[in-house]
Amino acid sequence: MILDEGWSFEVGLGLATHHPNELDSSLLTHCGNHLIMRLINPIDQESLKHCGEIVGTNLIEKMLTLSKGQVLVSGTCVENPVLCKLRKSITKVNSQTLKPSQLWTRYFQS
């Protein structure tokens, strides 16, 4: 598993979710760093309480007060938890939803 042994091969893995309670608890315990935005759902907050000593109860309480664009950084990347403000994107987002059925049809028509 990459999360278990990846560090010894200098391999890292980033996980992103809106609902940490949907992730397996062993995944969260193997994450050395956390970038946490406001979490209102008590179930999501509770799941972070059990992911190790990196995220403490006092950080869970701070998550409730975060505003849009603020992120709480904790873990091995910082000595103490740090509150950061994300800047607005300077690149224009030009994303679109892929429609697999159309891509499949177009692929086989050619």
N, C-alpha and C. Protein backbone atom coordinates (compact mmCIF):
# COMPACT_ATOMS: atom_id res chain seq x y z
N MET A 1 0.84 -1.17 0.00
CA MET A 1 0.00 0.00 0.00
C MET A 1 0.88 1.24 0.00
N ILE A 2 0.57 2.18 -0.86
CA ILE A 2 1.40 3.38 -1.00
C ILE A 2 1.47 4.17 0.30
N LEU A 3 0.35 4.28 1.01
CA LEU A 3 0.37 5.04 2.26
C LEU A 3 1.21 4.38 3.34
N ASP A 4 1.28 3.07 3.35
CA ASP A 4 2.06 2.37 4.36
C ASP A 4 3.56 2.47 4.12
N GLU A 5 4.00 2.18 2.90
CA GLU A 5 5.42 2.04 2.62
C GLU A 5 5.97 3.04 1.60
N GLY A 6 5.12 3.88 1.05
CA GLY A 6 5.56 4.80 0.00
C GLY A 6 6.65 5.76 0.45
N TRP A 7 6.60 6.18 1.72
CA TRP A 7 7.60 7.13 2.20
C TRP A 7 9.02 6.60 2.07
N SER A 8 9.20 5.28 2.22
CA SER A 8 10.55 4.72 2.15
C SER A 8 11.10 4.76 0.72
N PHE A 9 10.23 4.94 -0.26
CA PHE A 9 10.65 5.06 -1.66
C PHE A 9 10.48 6.49 -2.17
N GLU A 10 10.29 7.42 -1.22
CA GLU A 10 10.08 8.83 -1.53
C GLU A 10 8.88 9.04 -2.46
N VAL A 11 7.83 8.28 -2.19
CA VAL A 11 6.58 8.39 -2.93
C VAL A 11 5.53 8.96 -2.00
N GLY A 12 4.83 9.96 -2.46
CA GLY A 12 3.77 10.56 -1.66
C GLY A 12 2.43 10.41 -2.34
N LEU A 13 1.38 10.64 -1.57
CA LEU A 13 0.03 10.52 -2.08
C LEU A 13 -0.81 11.60 -1.43
N GLY A 14 -1.59 12.30 -2.22
CA GLY A 14 -2.50 13.31 -1.69
C GLY A 14 -3.94 12.84 -1.82
N LEU A 15 -4.70 13.04 -0.77
CA LEU A 15 -6.11 12.70 -0.78
C LEU A 15 -6.91 13.97 -0.60
N ALA A 16 -7.99 14.11 -1.34
CA ALA A 16 -8.86 15.28 -1.19
C ALA A 16 -10.30 14.79 -1.13
N THR A 17 -11.04 15.33 -0.17
CA THR A 17 -12.43 14.94 -0.03
C THR A 17 -13.22 16.04 0.66
N HIS A 18 -14.49 16.09 0.36
CA HIS A 18 -15.40 16.99 1.06
C HIS A 18 -15.94 16.32 2.32
N HIS A 19 -15.84 15.00 2.38
CA HIS A 19 -16.38 14.24 3.50
C HIS A 19 -15.36 13.22 4.01
N PRO A 20 -14.49 13.63 4.94
CA PRO A 20 -13.47 12.71 5.45
C PRO A 20 -14.05 11.46 6.12
N ASN A 21 -15.30 11.53 6.58
CA ASN A 21 -15.88 10.35 7.22
C ASN A 21 -16.11 9.22 6.22
N GLU A 22 -16.09 9.51 4.93
CA GLU A 22 -16.27 8.48 3.91
C GLU A 22 -14.98 7.74 3.59
N LEU A 23 -13.85 8.26 4.07
CA LEU A 23 -12.56 7.60 3.87
C LEU A 23 -12.35 6.56 4.96
N ASP A 24 -11.66 5.51 4.62
CA ASP A 24 -11.31 4.49 5.60
C ASP A 24 -10.44 5.12 6.68
N SER A 25 -10.69 4.78 7.93
CA SER A 25 -9.95 5.39 9.04
C SER A 25 -8.45 5.12 8.95
N SER A 26 -8.04 3.98 8.39
CA SER A 26 -6.61 3.71 8.27
C SER A 26 -5.94 4.64 7.28
N LEU A 27 -6.69 5.12 6.28
CA LEU A 27 -6.12 6.09 5.35
C LEU A 27 -5.79 7.39 6.08
N LEU A 28 -6.71 7.85 6.89
CA LEU A 28 -6.49 9.11 7.61
C LEU A 28 -5.34 9.02 8.60
N THR A 29 -5.17 7.87 9.25
CA THR A 29 -4.09 7.74 10.22
C THR A 29 -2.72 7.71 9.56
N HIS A 30 -2.66 7.33 8.29
CA HIS A 30 -1.38 7.30 7.58
C HIS A 30 -1.02 8.65 6.96
N CYS A 31 -1.94 9.58 6.96
CA CYS A 31 -1.65 10.90 6.39
C CYS A 31 -0.84 11.71 7.40
N GLY A 32 0.32 12.16 6.98
CA GLY A 32 1.19 12.91 7.88
C GLY A 32 0.84 14.38 7.97
N ASN A 33 0.16 14.90 6.98
CA ASN A 33 -0.20 16.31 6.95
C ASN A 33 -1.67 16.45 6.58
N HIS A 34 -2.27 17.50 7.11
CA HIS A 34 -3.68 17.75 6.83
C HIS A 34 -3.87 19.22 6.47
N LEU A 35 -4.57 19.46 5.40
CA LEU A 35 -5.00 20.81 5.03
C LEU A 35 -6.51 20.79 5.12
N ILE A 36 -7.02 21.45 6.14
CA ILE A 36 -8.42 21.32 6.48
C ILE A 36 -9.13 22.66 6.30
N MET A 37 -10.22 22.62 5.56
CA MET A 37 -11.06 23.78 5.42
C MET A 37 -12.27 23.58 6.34
N ARG A 38 -13.18 24.52 6.34
CA ARG A 38 -14.30 24.46 7.27
C ARG A 38 -15.11 23.18 7.09
N LEU A 39 -15.30 22.49 8.20
CA LEU A 39 -16.12 21.28 8.22
C LEU A 39 -17.25 21.51 9.21
N ILE A 40 -18.46 21.50 8.73
CA ILE A 40 -19.62 21.75 9.60
C ILE A 40 -20.24 20.45 10.08
N ASN A 41 -20.19 19.42 9.24
CA ASN A 41 -20.81 18.14 9.55
C ASN A 41 -20.11 17.50 10.76
N PRO A 42 -20.85 17.25 11.85
CA PRO A 42 -20.25 16.65 13.05
C PRO A 42 -19.62 15.27 12.79
N ILE A 43 -20.17 14.52 11.86
CA ILE A 43 -19.61 13.20 11.55
C ILE A 43 -18.24 13.35 10.92
N ASP A 44 -18.07 14.34 10.02
CA ASP A 44 -16.75 14.60 9.42
C ASP A 44 -15.77 15.06 10.46
N GLN A 45 -16.20 15.92 11.37
CA GLN A 45 -15.33 16.41 12.44
C GLN A 45 -14.87 15.25 13.32
N GLU A 46 -15.79 14.37 13.66
CA GLU A 46 -15.48 13.23 14.52
C GLU A 46 -14.46 12.31 13.86
N SER A 47 -14.56 12.12 12.54
CA SER A 47 -13.62 11.24 11.85
C SER A 47 -12.20 11.80 11.91
N LEU A 48 -12.05 13.11 11.93
CA LEU A 48 -10.71 13.69 12.02
C LEU A 48 -10.14 13.61 13.44
N LYS A 49 -11.00 13.55 14.44
CA LYS A 49 -10.52 13.44 15.82
C LYS A 49 -9.75 12.14 16.04
N HIS A 50 -10.07 11.12 15.27
CA HIS A 50 -9.47 9.80 15.48
C HIS A 50 -8.34 9.49 14.50
N CYS A 51 -7.86 10.49 13.79
CA CYS A 51 -6.84 10.20 12.78
C CYS A 51 -5.42 10.44 13.30
N GLY A 52 -5.25 10.48 14.59
CA GLY A 52 -3.91 10.59 15.15
C GLY A 52 -3.71 11.86 15.93
N GLU A 53 -2.49 12.04 16.41
CA GLU A 53 -2.20 13.19 17.25
C GLU A 53 -2.04 14.48 16.46
N ILE A 54 -1.99 14.39 15.15
CA ILE A 54 -1.78 15.58 14.33
C ILE A 54 -2.97 16.53 14.41
N VAL A 55 -4.17 15.99 14.38
CA VAL A 55 -5.37 16.81 14.46
C VAL A 55 -5.97 16.64 15.84
N GLY A 56 -5.93 17.69 16.64
CA GLY A 56 -6.45 17.62 18.00
C GLY A 56 -7.85 18.22 18.10
N THR A 57 -8.45 18.06 19.25
CA THR A 57 -9.80 18.57 19.48
C THR A 57 -9.86 20.08 19.31
N ASN A 58 -8.81 20.79 19.76
CA ASN A 58 -8.82 22.25 19.63
C ASN A 58 -8.82 22.68 18.16
N LEU A 59 -8.21 21.89 17.28
CA LEU A 59 -8.25 22.20 15.86
C LEU A 59 -9.63 21.96 15.27
N ILE A 60 -10.32 20.94 15.78
CA ILE A 60 -11.67 20.66 15.33
C ILE A 60 -12.57 21.85 15.63
N GLU A 61 -12.41 22.43 16.80
CA GLU A 61 -13.22 23.60 17.19
C GLU A 61 -12.91 24.80 16.29
N LYS A 62 -11.65 24.95 15.90
CA LYS A 62 -11.27 26.07 15.02
C LYS A 62 -11.86 25.93 13.63
N MET A 63 -12.10 24.69 13.19
CA MET A 63 -12.66 24.47 11.86
C MET A 63 -14.03 25.12 11.70
N LEU A 64 -14.75 25.22 12.79
CA LEU A 64 -16.09 25.81 12.73
C LEU A 64 -16.04 27.30 12.45
N THR A 65 -14.92 27.95 12.79
CA THR A 65 -14.82 29.40 12.64
C THR A 65 -14.12 29.82 11.35
N LEU A 66 -13.66 28.88 10.56
CA LEU A 66 -12.95 29.23 9.33
C LEU A 66 -13.91 29.86 8.33
N SER A 67 -13.42 30.87 7.63
CA SER A 67 -14.23 31.50 6.60
C SER A 67 -13.81 30.98 5.23
N LYS A 68 -14.50 31.42 4.20
CA LYS A 68 -14.21 30.97 2.84
C LYS A 68 -12.77 31.33 2.47
N GLY A 69 -12.04 30.33 1.98
CA GLY A 69 -10.66 30.55 1.56
C GLY A 69 -9.63 30.32 2.64
N GLN A 70 -10.05 30.07 3.87
CA GLN A 70 -9.09 29.80 4.94
C GLN A 70 -8.86 28.30 5.04
N VAL A 71 -7.63 27.94 5.36
CA VAL A 71 -7.27 26.53 5.51
C VAL A 71 -6.37 26.38 6.73
N LEU A 72 -6.59 25.33 7.48
CA LEU A 72 -5.80 25.01 8.65
C LEU A 72 -4.80 23.94 8.26
N VAL A 73 -3.51 24.22 8.39
CA VAL A 73 -2.46 23.29 8.01
C VAL A 73 -1.85 22.71 9.28
N SER A 74 -1.84 21.38 9.37
CA SER A 74 -1.22 20.74 10.53
C SER A 74 -0.51 19.48 10.07
N GLY A 75 0.44 19.05 10.87
CA GLY A 75 1.16 17.83 10.55
C GLY A 75 2.65 18.01 10.58
N THR A 76 3.34 17.12 9.91
CA THR A 76 4.80 17.12 9.93
C THR A 76 5.40 18.25 9.09
N CYS A 77 4.59 18.88 8.27
CA CYS A 77 5.11 19.96 7.41
C CYS A 77 5.25 21.28 8.17
N VAL A 78 4.65 21.39 9.34
CA VAL A 78 4.73 22.61 10.15
C VAL A 78 4.97 22.22 11.61
N GLU A 79 5.65 23.12 12.36
CA GLU A 79 5.90 22.83 13.78
C GLU A 79 4.61 22.92 14.59
N ASN A 80 3.82 23.94 14.31
CA ASN A 80 2.55 24.14 14.97
C ASN A 80 1.49 24.36 13.90
N PRO A 81 0.24 24.07 14.19
CA PRO A 81 -0.81 24.32 13.20
C PRO A 81 -0.81 25.77 12.74
N VAL A 82 -1.02 25.96 11.45
CA VAL A 82 -0.96 27.29 10.85
C VAL A 82 -2.27 27.57 10.12
N LEU A 83 -2.78 28.78 10.31
CA LEU A 83 -3.97 29.21 9.59
C LEU A 83 -3.52 30.00 8.37
N CYS A 84 -3.96 29.59 7.18
CA CYS A 84 -3.56 30.23 5.94
C CYS A 84 -4.79 30.73 5.19
N LYS A 85 -4.57 31.71 4.36
CA LYS A 85 -5.62 32.23 3.49
C LYS A 85 -5.23 31.92 2.07
N LEU A 86 -6.09 31.22 1.35
CA LEU A 86 -5.83 30.88 -0.05
C LEU A 86 -6.13 32.08 -0.92
N ARG A 87 -5.28 32.32 -1.89
CA ARG A 87 -5.52 33.43 -2.82
C ARG A 87 -6.47 32.98 -3.91
N LYS A 88 -7.06 33.95 -4.57
CA LYS A 88 -7.92 33.62 -5.70
C LYS A 88 -7.06 33.12 -6.85
N SER A 89 -7.61 32.24 -7.64
CA SER A 89 -6.88 31.68 -8.77
C SER A 89 -6.54 32.77 -9.78
N ILE A 90 -5.32 32.74 -10.30
CA ILE A 90 -4.93 33.72 -11.31
C ILE A 90 -5.08 33.15 -12.72
N THR A 91 -5.40 31.87 -12.79
CA THR A 91 -5.64 31.25 -14.09
C THR A 91 -7.14 31.04 -14.26
N LYS A 92 -7.60 31.18 -15.49
CA LYS A 92 -9.01 30.99 -15.76
C LYS A 92 -9.31 29.49 -15.80
N VAL A 93 -10.33 29.11 -15.08
CA VAL A 93 -10.75 27.71 -15.07
C VAL A 93 -11.58 27.45 -16.31
N ASN A 94 -11.18 26.46 -17.08
CA ASN A 94 -11.88 26.12 -18.31
C ASN A 94 -12.17 24.62 -18.30
N SER A 95 -12.89 24.20 -17.28
CA SER A 95 -13.16 22.77 -17.17
C SER A 95 -14.55 22.47 -17.71
N GLN A 96 -14.72 21.24 -18.08
CA GLN A 96 -16.02 20.81 -18.56
C GLN A 96 -16.25 19.37 -18.11
N THR A 97 -17.50 19.02 -18.01
CA THR A 97 -17.84 17.68 -17.58
C THR A 97 -17.70 16.72 -18.76
N LEU A 98 -16.95 15.66 -18.54
CA LEU A 98 -16.80 14.65 -19.57
C LEU A 98 -18.04 13.76 -19.60
N LYS A 99 -18.43 13.39 -20.79
CA LYS A 99 -19.56 12.48 -20.95
C LYS A 99 -19.01 11.19 -21.56
N PRO A 100 -18.73 10.20 -20.70
CA PRO A 100 -18.09 8.97 -21.16
C PRO A 100 -18.82 8.29 -22.31
N SER A 101 -20.14 8.30 -22.29
CA SER A 101 -20.87 7.62 -23.37
C SER A 101 -20.62 8.28 -24.72
N GLN A 102 -20.52 9.62 -24.75
CA GLN A 102 -20.23 10.32 -25.99
C GLN A 102 -18.80 10.06 -26.45
N LEU A 103 -17.86 10.06 -25.51
CA LEU A 103 -16.47 9.79 -25.86
C LEU A 103 -16.32 8.37 -26.41
N TRP A 104 -17.00 7.42 -25.80
CA TRP A 104 -16.95 6.03 -26.23
C TRP A 104 -17.50 5.91 -27.64
N THR A 105 -18.64 6.52 -27.89
CA THR A 105 -19.28 6.46 -29.22
C THR A 105 -18.37 7.11 -30.27
N ARG A 106 -17.83 8.27 -29.96
CA ARG A 106 -16.96 8.98 -30.90
C ARG A 106 -15.70 8.16 -31.21
N TYR A 107 -15.16 7.50 -30.20
CA TYR A 107 -13.96 6.69 -30.39
C TYR A 107 -14.22 5.55 -31.37
N PHE A 108 -15.33 4.87 -31.21
CA PHE A 108 -15.62 3.71 -32.04
C PHE A 108 -16.21 4.06 -33.40
N GLN A 109 -16.63 5.30 -33.58
CA GLN A 109 -17.12 5.72 -34.90
C GLN A 109 -15.97 6.01 -35.85
N SER A 110 -14.85 6.39 -35.33
CA SER A 110 -13.72 6.74 -36.19
C SER A 110 -12.86 5.58 -36.60
